[in-house]
Amino acid sequence: MTDNENAADLYTAMRKAADAAAATYVGLTIEAAREKAGAAGTRLRVSSQDGEPYMLTADHIPGRVTVSVDNGVVTTSRVEI
């Protein structure tokens, strides 16, 4: 196996783990999501609320959770790797 193949396999595994972690936020209230992120020692930011997108920074923080919220409930979530 080449180094590129190893790197691709590692990225795929990391993405799957991050997606699984992100899924645990969907359905939570924004308050519960903030508490969960805080307890995990990570940051949480809201990318949109009730259909209104927010401006986001372009920085990359591994582990940061970005969520969309509708009616106070997280509808989508993504964890940076």
PDB file of N, CA and C in Angstrom:
ATOM      1  N   MET A   1       0.843  -1.173   0.000  1.00  0.00           N
ATOM      2  CA  MET A   1       0.000   0.000   0.000  1.00  0.00           C
ATOM      3  C   MET A   1       0.893   1.244   0.000  1.00  0.00           C
ATOM      4  N   THR A   2       0.535   2.231  -0.807  1.00  0.00           N
ATOM      5  CA  THR A   2       1.341   3.449  -0.899  1.00  0.00           C
ATOM      6  C   THR A   2       0.994   4.401   0.243  1.00  0.00           C
ATOM      7  N   ASP A   3       1.857   5.397   0.418  1.00  0.00           N
ATOM      8  CA  ASP A   3       1.592   6.415   1.441  1.00  0.00           C
ATOM      9  C   ASP A   3       0.280   7.150   1.161  1.00  0.00           C
ATOM     10  N   ASN A   4       0.005   7.405  -0.122  1.00  0.00           N
ATOM     11  CA  ASN A   4      -1.240   8.095  -0.472  1.00  0.00           C
ATOM     12  C   ASN A   4      -2.454   7.257  -0.122  1.00  0.00           C
ATOM     13  N   GLU A   5      -2.364   5.953  -0.341  1.00  0.00           N
ATOM     14  CA  GLU A   5      -3.476   5.070   0.007  1.00  0.00           C
ATOM     15  C   GLU A   5      -3.668   5.014   1.516  1.00  0.00           C
ATOM     16  N   ASN A   6      -2.571   4.970   2.258  1.00  0.00           N
ATOM     17  CA  ASN A   6      -2.656   4.985   3.723  1.00  0.00           C
ATOM     18  C   ASN A   6      -3.294   6.279   4.222  1.00  0.00           C
ATOM     19  N   ALA A   7      -2.893   7.399   3.628  1.00  0.00           N
ATOM     20  CA  ALA A   7      -3.446   8.688   4.025  1.00  0.00           C
ATOM     21  C   ALA A   7      -4.937   8.754   3.709  1.00  0.00           C
ATOM     22  N   ALA A   8      -5.322   8.227   2.565  1.00  0.00           N
ATOM     23  CA  ALA A   8      -6.737   8.222   2.182  1.00  0.00           C
ATOM     24  C   ALA A   8      -7.550   7.354   3.136  1.00  0.00           C
ATOM     25  N   ASP A   9      -7.017   6.204   3.504  1.00  0.00           N
ATOM     26  CA  ASP A   9      -7.705   5.324   4.457  1.00  0.00           C
ATOM     27  C   ASP A   9      -7.839   5.987   5.816  1.00  0.00           C
ATOM     28  N   LEU A  10      -6.804   6.660   6.255  1.00  0.00           N
ATOM     29  CA  LEU A  10      -6.840   7.352   7.542  1.00  0.00           C
ATOM     30  C   LEU A  10      -7.878   8.474   7.514  1.00  0.00           C
ATOM     31  N   TYR A  11      -7.884   9.261   6.433  1.00  0.00           N
ATOM     32  CA  TYR A  11      -8.863  10.345   6.314  1.00  0.00           C
ATOM     33  C   TYR A  11     -10.279   9.781   6.336  1.00  0.00           C
ATOM     34  N   THR A  12     -10.510   8.707   5.598  1.00  0.00           N
ATOM     35  CA  THR A  12     -11.841   8.099   5.554  1.00  0.00           C
ATOM     36  C   THR A  12     -12.286   7.651   6.940  1.00  0.00           C
ATOM     37  N   ALA A  13     -11.399   7.042   7.692  1.00  0.00           N
ATOM     38  CA  ALA A  13     -11.727   6.598   9.048  1.00  0.00           C
ATOM     39  C   ALA A  13     -12.018   7.786   9.958  1.00  0.00           C
ATOM     40  N   MET A  14     -11.222   8.840   9.842  1.00  0.00           N
ATOM     41  CA  MET A  14     -11.432  10.030  10.657  1.00  0.00           C
ATOM     42  C   MET A  14     -12.753  10.707  10.305  1.00  0.00           C
ATOM     43  N   ARG A  15     -13.088  10.773   9.010  1.00  0.00           N
ATOM     44  CA  ARG A  15     -14.333  11.400   8.573  1.00  0.00           C
ATOM     45  C   ARG A  15     -15.531  10.619   9.103  1.00  0.00           C
ATOM     46  N   LYS A  16     -15.452   9.295   9.030  1.00  0.00           N
ATOM     47  CA  LYS A  16     -16.551   8.458   9.531  1.00  0.00           C
ATOM     48  C   LYS A  16     -16.754   8.665  11.031  1.00  0.00           C
ATOM     49  N   ALA A  17     -15.678   8.728  11.774  1.00  0.00           N
ATOM     50  CA  ALA A  17     -15.775   8.945  13.226  1.00  0.00           C
ATOM     51  C   ALA A  17     -16.356  10.326  13.517  1.00  0.00           C
ATOM     52  N   ALA A  18     -15.916  11.329  12.778  1.00  0.00           N
ATOM     53  CA  ALA A  18     -16.424  12.685  12.980  1.00  0.00           C
ATOM     54  C   ALA A  18     -17.901  12.771  12.614  1.00  0.00           C
ATOM     55  N   ASP A  19     -18.307  12.102  11.536  1.00  0.00           N
ATOM     56  CA  ASP A  19     -19.713  12.111  11.140  1.00  0.00           C
ATOM     57  C   ASP A  19     -20.582  11.409  12.189  1.00  0.00           C
ATOM     58  N   ALA A  20     -20.066  10.332  12.766  1.00  0.00           N
ATOM     59  CA  ALA A  20     -20.810   9.628  13.816  1.00  0.00           C
ATOM     60  C   ALA A  20     -20.962  10.525  15.044  1.00  0.00           C
ATOM     61  N   ALA A  21     -19.901  11.248  15.406  1.00  0.00           N
ATOM     62  CA  ALA A  21     -19.967  12.170  16.533  1.00  0.00           C
ATOM     63  C   ALA A  21     -20.947  13.306  16.241  1.00  0.00           C
ATOM     64  N   ALA A  22     -20.916  13.826  15.024  1.00  0.00           N
ATOM     65  CA  ALA A  22     -21.807  14.922  14.643  1.00  0.00           C
ATOM     66  C   ALA A  22     -23.268  14.497  14.731  1.00  0.00           C
ATOM     67  N   ALA A  23     -23.557  13.273  14.355  1.00  0.00           N
ATOM     68  CA  ALA A  23     -24.943  12.783  14.368  1.00  0.00           C
ATOM     69  C   ALA A  23     -25.544  12.797  15.768  1.00  0.00           C
ATOM     70  N   THR A  24     -24.715  12.731  16.796  1.00  0.00           N
ATOM     71  CA  THR A  24     -25.233  12.715  18.159  1.00  0.00           C
ATOM     72  C   THR A  24     -25.775  14.068  18.594  1.00  0.00           C
ATOM     73  N   TYR A  25     -25.517  15.114  17.824  1.00  0.00           N
ATOM     74  CA  TYR A  25     -26.031  16.449  18.131  1.00  0.00           C
ATOM     75  C   TYR A  25     -27.391  16.715  17.500  1.00  0.00           C
ATOM     76  N   VAL A  26     -27.686  16.030  16.407  1.00  0.00           N
ATOM     77  CA  VAL A  26     -28.938  16.254  15.687  1.00  0.00           C
ATOM     78  C   VAL A  26     -30.113  15.834  16.574  1.00  0.00           C
ATOM     79  N   GLY A  27     -31.086  16.740  16.683  1.00  0.00           N
ATOM     80  CA  GLY A  27     -32.264  16.486  17.502  1.00  0.00           C
ATOM     81  C   GLY A  27     -32.184  17.100  18.889  1.00  0.00           C
ATOM     82  N   LEU A  28     -30.987  17.528  19.294  1.00  0.00           N
ATOM     83  CA  LEU A  28     -30.836  18.192  20.591  1.00  0.00           C
ATOM     84  C   LEU A  28     -31.293  19.633  20.493  1.00  0.00           C
ATOM     85  N   THR A  29     -31.721  20.195  21.608  1.00  0.00           N
ATOM     86  CA  THR A  29     -31.946  21.634  21.631  1.00  0.00           C
ATOM     87  C   THR A  29     -30.583  22.301  21.533  1.00  0.00           C
ATOM     88  N   ILE A  30     -30.560  23.559  21.124  1.00  0.00           N
ATOM     89  CA  ILE A  30     -29.282  24.258  21.026  1.00  0.00           C
ATOM     90  C   ILE A  30     -28.629  24.353  22.399  1.00  0.00           C
ATOM     91  N   GLU A  31     -29.418  24.512  23.435  1.00  0.00           N
ATOM     92  CA  GLU A  31     -28.861  24.569  24.791  1.00  0.00           C
ATOM     93  C   GLU A  31     -28.188  23.243  25.156  1.00  0.00           C
ATOM     94  N   ALA A  32     -28.860  22.137  24.865  1.00  0.00           N
ATOM     95  CA  ALA A  32     -28.292  20.820  25.160  1.00  0.00           C
ATOM     96  C   ALA A  32     -27.040  20.564  24.316  1.00  0.00           C
ATOM     97  N   ALA A  33     -27.047  21.020  23.067  1.00  0.00           N
ATOM     98  CA  ALA A  33     -25.885  20.854  22.193  1.00  0.00           C
ATOM     99  C   ALA A  33     -24.691  21.632  22.730  1.00  0.00           C
ATOM    100  N   ARG A  34     -24.943  22.849  23.219  1.00  0.00           N
ATOM    101  CA  ARG A  34     -23.852  23.647  23.793  1.00  0.00           C
ATOM    102  C   ARG A  34     -23.294  22.975  25.043  1.00  0.00           C
ATOM    103  N   GLU A  35     -24.178  22.438  25.876  1.00  0.00           N
ATOM    104  CA  GLU A  35     -23.728  21.729  27.082  1.00  0.00           C
ATOM    105  C   GLU A  35     -22.910  20.494  26.714  1.00  0.00           C
ATOM    106  N   LYS A  36     -23.370  19.746  25.714  1.00  0.00           N
ATOM    107  CA  LYS A  36     -22.662  18.536  25.264  1.00  0.00           C
ATOM    108  C   LYS A  36     -21.269  18.883  24.741  1.00  0.00           C
ATOM    109  N   ALA A  37     -21.187  19.916  23.915  1.00  0.00           N
ATOM    110  CA  ALA A  37     -19.891  20.329  23.374  1.00  0.00           C
ATOM    111  C   ALA A  37     -18.971  20.793  24.495  1.00  0.00           C
ATOM    112  N   GLY A  38     -19.512  21.580  25.419  1.00  0.00           N
ATOM    113  CA  GLY A  38     -18.706  22.060  26.537  1.00  0.00           C
ATOM    114  C   GLY A  38     -18.186  20.923  27.397  1.00  0.00           C
ATOM    115  N   ALA A  39     -19.040  19.935  27.646  1.00  0.00           N
ATOM    116  CA  ALA A  39     -18.629  18.785  28.451  1.00  0.00           C
ATOM    117  C   ALA A  39     -17.544  17.972  27.746  1.00  0.00           C
ATOM    118  N   ALA A  40     -17.570  18.003  26.415  1.00  0.00           N
ATOM    119  CA  ALA A  40     -16.565  17.275  25.625  1.00  0.00           C
ATOM    120  C   ALA A  40     -15.301  18.098  25.425  1.00  0.00           C
ATOM    121  N   GLY A  41     -15.332  19.363  25.883  1.00  0.00           N
ATOM    122  CA  GLY A  41     -14.157  20.223  25.737  1.00  0.00           C
ATOM    123  C   GLY A  41     -13.953  20.740  24.331  1.00  0.00           C
ATOM    124  N   THR A  42     -15.032  20.858  23.576  1.00  0.00           N
ATOM    125  CA  THR A  42     -14.916  21.358  22.215  1.00  0.00           C
ATOM    126  C   THR A  42     -15.798  22.585  22.018  1.00  0.00           C
ATOM    127  N   ARG A  43     -15.610  23.243  20.909  1.00  0.00           N
ATOM    128  CA  ARG A  43     -16.380  24.447  20.594  1.00  0.00           C
ATOM    129  C   ARG A  43     -17.579  24.079  19.742  1.00  0.00           C
ATOM    130  N   LEU A  44     -18.616  24.889  19.843  1.00  0.00           N
ATOM    131  CA  LEU A  44     -19.803  24.722  19.018  1.00  0.00           C
ATOM    132  C   LEU A  44     -20.146  26.073  18.417  1.00  0.00           C
ATOM    133  N   ARG A  45     -20.479  26.072  17.131  1.00  0.00           N
ATOM    134  CA  ARG A  45     -20.921  27.316  16.499  1.00  0.00           C
ATOM    135  C   ARG A  45     -22.157  27.025  15.662  1.00  0.00           C
ATOM    136  N   VAL A  46     -22.982  28.020  15.513  1.00  0.00           N
ATOM    137  CA  VAL A  46     -24.217  27.909  14.750  1.00  0.00           C
ATOM    138  C   VAL A  46     -23.991  28.537  13.379  1.00  0.00           C
ATOM    139  N   SER A  47     -24.247  27.745  12.321  1.00  0.00           N
ATOM    140  CA  SER A  47     -24.048  28.249  10.959  1.00  0.00           C
ATOM    141  C   SER A  47     -25.310  28.873  10.388  1.00  0.00           C
ATOM    142  N   SER A  48     -26.471  28.427  10.875  1.00  0.00           N
ATOM    143  CA  SER A  48     -27.733  29.043  10.462  1.00  0.00           C
ATOM    144  C   SER A  48     -28.782  28.774  11.528  1.00  0.00           C
ATOM    145  N   GLN A  49     -29.738  29.689  11.615  1.00  0.00           N
ATOM    146  CA  GLN A  49     -30.821  29.528  12.572  1.00  0.00           C
ATOM    147  C   GLN A  49     -32.120  29.932  11.901  1.00  0.00           C
ATOM    148  N   ASP A  50     -33.075  29.025  11.935  1.00  0.00           N
ATOM    149  CA  ASP A  50     -34.391  29.255  11.332  1.00  0.00           C
ATOM    150  C   ASP A  50     -34.277  29.723   9.884  1.00  0.00           C
ATOM    151  N   GLY A  51     -33.359  29.095   9.143  1.00  0.00           N
ATOM    152  CA  GLY A  51     -33.183  29.385   7.722  1.00  0.00           C
ATOM    153  C   GLY A  51     -32.316  30.579   7.406  1.00  0.00           C
ATOM    154  N   GLU A  52     -31.872  31.300   8.422  1.00  0.00           N
ATOM    155  CA  GLU A  52     -31.018  32.472   8.201  1.00  0.00           C
ATOM    156  C   GLU A  52     -29.552  32.088   8.392  1.00  0.00           C
ATOM    157  N   PRO A  53     -28.749  32.129   7.314  1.00  0.00           N
ATOM    158  CA  PRO A  53     -27.332  31.771   7.454  1.00  0.00           C
ATOM    159  C   PRO A  53     -26.551  32.849   8.191  1.00  0.00           C
ATOM    160  N   TYR A  54     -25.569  32.419   8.965  1.00  0.00           N
ATOM    161  CA  TYR A  54     -24.682  33.336   9.676  1.00  0.00           C
ATOM    162  C   TYR A  54     -23.326  33.359   8.999  1.00  0.00           C
ATOM    163  N   MET A  55     -22.642  34.466   9.111  1.00  0.00           N
ATOM    164  CA  MET A  55     -21.276  34.544   8.606  1.00  0.00           C
ATOM    165  C   MET A  55     -20.386  33.707   9.533  1.00  0.00           C
ATOM    166  N   LEU A  56     -19.490  32.944   8.940  1.00  0.00           N
ATOM    167  CA  LEU A  56     -18.571  32.108   9.705  1.00  0.00           C
ATOM    168  C   LEU A  56     -17.139  32.467   9.360  1.00  0.00           C
ATOM    169  N   THR A  57     -16.262  32.243  10.301  1.00  0.00           N
ATOM    170  CA  THR A  57     -14.841  32.438  10.034  1.00  0.00           C
ATOM    171  C   THR A  57     -14.327  31.286   9.185  1.00  0.00           C
ATOM    172  N   ALA A  58     -13.228  31.509   8.490  1.00  0.00           N
ATOM    173  CA  ALA A  58     -12.658  30.488   7.615  1.00  0.00           C
ATOM    174  C   ALA A  58     -11.582  29.664   8.314  1.00  0.00           C
ATOM    175  N   ASP A  59     -11.402  29.897   9.611  1.00  0.00           N
ATOM    176  CA  ASP A  59     -10.384  29.139  10.329  1.00  0.00           C
ATOM    177  C   ASP A  59     -10.816  27.681  10.481  1.00  0.00           C
ATOM    178  N   HIS A  60      -9.851  26.834  10.747  1.00  0.00           N
ATOM    179  CA  HIS A  60     -10.102  25.402  10.894  1.00  0.00           C
ATOM    180  C   HIS A  60      -9.700  24.999  12.305  1.00  0.00           C
ATOM    181  N   ILE A  61     -10.656  24.471  13.056  1.00  0.00           N
ATOM    182  CA  ILE A  61     -10.386  24.020  14.417  1.00  0.00           C
ATOM    183  C   ILE A  61     -10.837  22.568  14.533  1.00  0.00           C
ATOM    184  N   PRO A  62      -9.905  21.633  14.484  1.00  0.00           N
ATOM    185  CA  PRO A  62     -10.285  20.224  14.588  1.00  0.00           C
ATOM    186  C   PRO A  62     -11.125  19.972  15.842  1.00  0.00           C
ATOM    187  N   GLY A  63     -12.214  19.244  15.650  1.00  0.00           N
ATOM    188  CA  GLY A  63     -13.105  18.922  16.748  1.00  0.00           C
ATOM    189  C   GLY A  63     -14.256  19.894  16.918  1.00  0.00           C
ATOM    190  N   ARG A  64     -14.157  21.076  16.314  1.00  0.00           N
ATOM    191  CA  ARG A  64     -15.239  22.056  16.457  1.00  0.00           C
ATOM    192  C   ARG A  64     -16.501  21.516  15.785  1.00  0.00           C
ATOM    193  N   VAL A  65     -17.629  21.740  16.425  1.00  0.00           N
ATOM    194  CA  VAL A  65     -18.926  21.294  15.926  1.00  0.00           C
ATOM    195  C   VAL A  65     -19.663  22.500  15.354  1.00  0.00           C
ATOM    196  N   THR A  66     -20.117  22.385  14.115  1.00  0.00           N
ATOM    197  CA  THR A  66     -20.897  23.430  13.466  1.00  0.00           C
ATOM    198  C   THR A  66     -22.297  22.878  13.235  1.00  0.00           C
ATOM    199  N   VAL A  67     -23.315  23.619  13.684  1.00  0.00           N
ATOM    200  CA  VAL A  67     -24.690  23.133  13.604  1.00  0.00           C
ATOM    201  C   VAL A  67     -25.601  24.131  12.914  1.00  0.00           C
ATOM    202  N   SER A  68     -26.678  23.607  12.348  1.00  0.00           N
ATOM    203  CA  SER A  68     -27.807  24.404  11.876  1.00  0.00           C
ATOM    204  C   SER A  68     -28.940  24.149  12.850  1.00  0.00           C
ATOM    205  N   VAL A  69     -29.698  25.202  13.144  1.00  0.00           N
ATOM    206  CA  VAL A  69     -30.757  25.114  14.146  1.00  0.00           C
ATOM    207  C   VAL A  69     -32.069  25.619  13.556  1.00  0.00           C
ATOM    208  N   ASP A  70     -33.140  24.872  13.776  1.00  0.00           N
ATOM    209  CA  ASP A  70     -34.479  25.304  13.391  1.00  0.00           C
ATOM    210  C   ASP A  70     -35.394  25.144  14.592  1.00  0.00           C
ATOM    211  N   ASN A  71     -36.097  26.211  14.935  1.00  0.00           N
ATOM    212  CA  ASN A  71     -37.012  26.197  16.084  1.00  0.00           C
ATOM    213  C   ASN A  71     -36.340  25.702  17.353  1.00  0.00           C
ATOM    214  N   GLY A  72     -35.072  26.075  17.537  1.00  0.00           N
ATOM    215  CA  GLY A  72     -34.348  25.740  18.759  1.00  0.00           C
ATOM    216  C   GLY A  72     -33.753  24.347  18.805  1.00  0.00           C
ATOM    217  N   VAL A  73     -33.881  23.586  17.698  1.00  0.00           N
ATOM    218  CA  VAL A  73     -33.393  22.203  17.654  1.00  0.00           C
ATOM    219  C   VAL A  73     -32.334  22.058  16.556  1.00  0.00           C
ATOM    220  N   VAL A  74     -31.257  21.349  16.862  1.00  0.00           N
ATOM    221  CA  VAL A  74     -30.188  21.104  15.889  1.00  0.00           C
ATOM    222  C   VAL A  74     -30.719  20.185  14.787  1.00  0.00           C
ATOM    223  N   THR A  75     -30.593  20.637  13.530  1.00  0.00           N
ATOM    224  CA  THR A  75     -31.074  19.850  12.393  1.00  0.00           C
ATOM    225  C   THR A  75     -29.942  19.248  11.568  1.00  0.00           C
ATOM    226  N   THR A  76     -28.779  19.903  11.547  1.00  0.00           N
ATOM    227  CA  THR A  76     -27.599  19.343  10.895  1.00  0.00           C
ATOM    228  C   THR A  76     -26.387  19.657  11.754  1.00  0.00           C
ATOM    229  N   SER A  77     -25.374  18.823  11.602  1.00  0.00           N
ATOM    230  CA  SER A  77     -24.165  18.996  12.411  1.00  0.00           C
ATOM    231  C   SER A  77     -22.975  18.454  11.647  1.00  0.00           C
ATOM    232  N   ARG A  78     -21.833  19.090  11.834  1.00  0.00           N
ATOM    233  CA  ARG A  78     -20.582  18.641  11.197  1.00  0.00           C
ATOM    234  C   ARG A  78     -19.449  18.900  12.177  1.00  0.00           C
ATOM    235  N   VAL A  79     -18.563  17.927  12.297  1.00  0.00           N
ATOM    236  CA  VAL A  79     -17.384  18.054  13.147  1.00  0.00           C
ATOM    237  C   VAL A  79     -16.163  18.185  12.242  1.00  0.00           C
ATOM    238  N   GLU A  80     -15.350  19.208  12.497  1.00  0.00           N
ATOM    239  CA  GLU A  80     -14.137  19.417  11.696  1.00  0.00           C
ATOM    240  C   GLU A  80     -13.081  18.399  12.077  1.00  0.00           C
ATOM    241  N   ILE A  81     -12.380  17.912  11.065  1.00  0.00           N
ATOM    242  CA  ILE A  81     -11.249  17.001  11.319  1.00  0.00           C
ATOM    243  C   ILE A  81      -9.979  17.595  10.781  1.00  0.00           C
TER     244      ILE A  81
END
